[in-house]
Protein backbone atom coordinates (compact mmCIF):
# COMPACT_ATOMS: atom_id res chain seq x y z
CA UNK A 1 89.09 89.21 78.06
CA UNK A 2 88.59 90.23 81.70
CA UNK A 3 90.61 87.20 82.79
CA UNK A 4 93.43 88.26 80.49
CA UNK A 5 93.35 91.79 81.93
CA UNK A 6 93.37 90.61 85.53
CA UNK A 7 96.26 88.22 84.99
CA UNK A 8 98.33 91.06 83.57
CA UNK A 9 97.48 93.15 86.64
CA UNK A 10 99.62 91.12 89.00
CA UNK A 11 101.30 93.91 90.94
CA UNK A 12 100.83 97.51 92.01
CA UNK A 13 103.59 100.05 92.50
CA UNK A 14 102.94 102.25 95.50
CA UNK A 15 105.42 104.43 97.30
CA UNK A 16 108.24 103.03 95.20
CA UNK A 17 107.42 99.44 96.21
CA UNK A 18 106.05 96.72 93.93
CA UNK A 19 103.27 94.94 95.78
CA UNK A 20 101.92 91.67 94.35
CA UNK A 21 98.15 91.45 93.91
CA UNK A 22 97.16 87.85 94.59
CA UNK A 23 93.43 88.20 95.23
CA UNK A 24 91.40 87.83 92.01
CA UNK A 25 88.55 90.04 93.27
CA UNK A 26 91.00 92.84 94.01
CA UNK A 27 92.54 92.47 90.57
CA UNK A 28 89.15 92.89 88.93
CA UNK A 29 88.42 95.96 91.03
CA UNK A 30 91.79 97.50 90.15
CA UNK A 31 91.20 96.85 86.44
CA UNK A 32 87.87 98.67 86.81
CA UNK A 33 89.62 101.62 88.46
CA UNK A 34 92.18 101.72 85.66
CA UNK A 35 89.43 101.63 83.02
CA UNK A 36 87.52 104.43 84.75
CA UNK A 37 90.69 106.53 84.97
CA UNK A 38 91.19 106.16 81.22
CA UNK A 39 87.57 107.19 80.59
CA UNK A 40 88.06 110.16 82.90
CA UNK A 41 90.71 111.58 80.58
CA UNK A 42 88.37 111.32 77.59
CA UNK A 43 85.18 112.83 78.99
CA UNK A 44 84.30 116.50 79.12
CA UNK A 45 81.08 116.20 81.13
CA UNK A 46 81.44 117.16 84.78
CA UNK A 47 78.54 114.87 85.63
CA UNK A 48 80.22 111.90 83.94
CA UNK A 49 83.54 112.71 85.65
CA UNK A 50 81.81 112.76 89.02
CA UNK A 51 80.21 109.40 88.26
CA UNK A 52 83.59 107.93 87.27
CA UNK A 53 85.28 109.25 90.42
CA UNK A 54 82.47 107.78 92.51
CA UNK A 55 82.83 104.41 90.82
CA UNK A 56 86.60 104.46 91.33
CA UNK A 57 86.25 105.28 95.01
CA UNK A 58 83.68 102.51 95.54
CA UNK A 59 85.99 99.99 93.85
CA UNK A 60 88.96 101.05 95.95
CA UNK A 61 86.98 100.90 99.20
CA UNK A 62 85.68 97.44 98.26
CA UNK A 63 89.23 96.25 97.45
CA UNK A 64 90.46 97.65 100.76
CA UNK A 65 87.73 95.81 102.65
CA UNK A 66 88.47 92.52 100.87
CA UNK A 67 92.16 92.80 101.75
CA UNK A 68 91.43 93.86 105.32
CA UNK A 69 89.20 90.81 105.80
CA UNK A 70 91.76 88.54 104.14
CA UNK A 71 94.65 89.71 106.30
CA UNK A 72 92.58 89.77 109.48
CA UNK A 73 92.23 85.99 109.14
CA UNK A 74 95.96 85.52 108.39
CA UNK A 75 98.11 86.83 111.27
CA UNK A 76 101.35 86.05 109.39
CA UNK A 77 100.56 88.71 106.81
């Protein structure tokens, strides 16, 4: 199921631009962020919301680091 979710998460729209997501690890992290965002809308507990926000931020920082490392090794990008 996770594979099916990540294959459907092939691009991100940011600032009006569609950016392809090629890295599988980043796709998984973005799916996790999306799932946490959906849970955020359903929960009423401030403690649970804080935990979800923390998890989302960790996933985004990890995705950023993966991409930074990937593009550091590829000067064409």
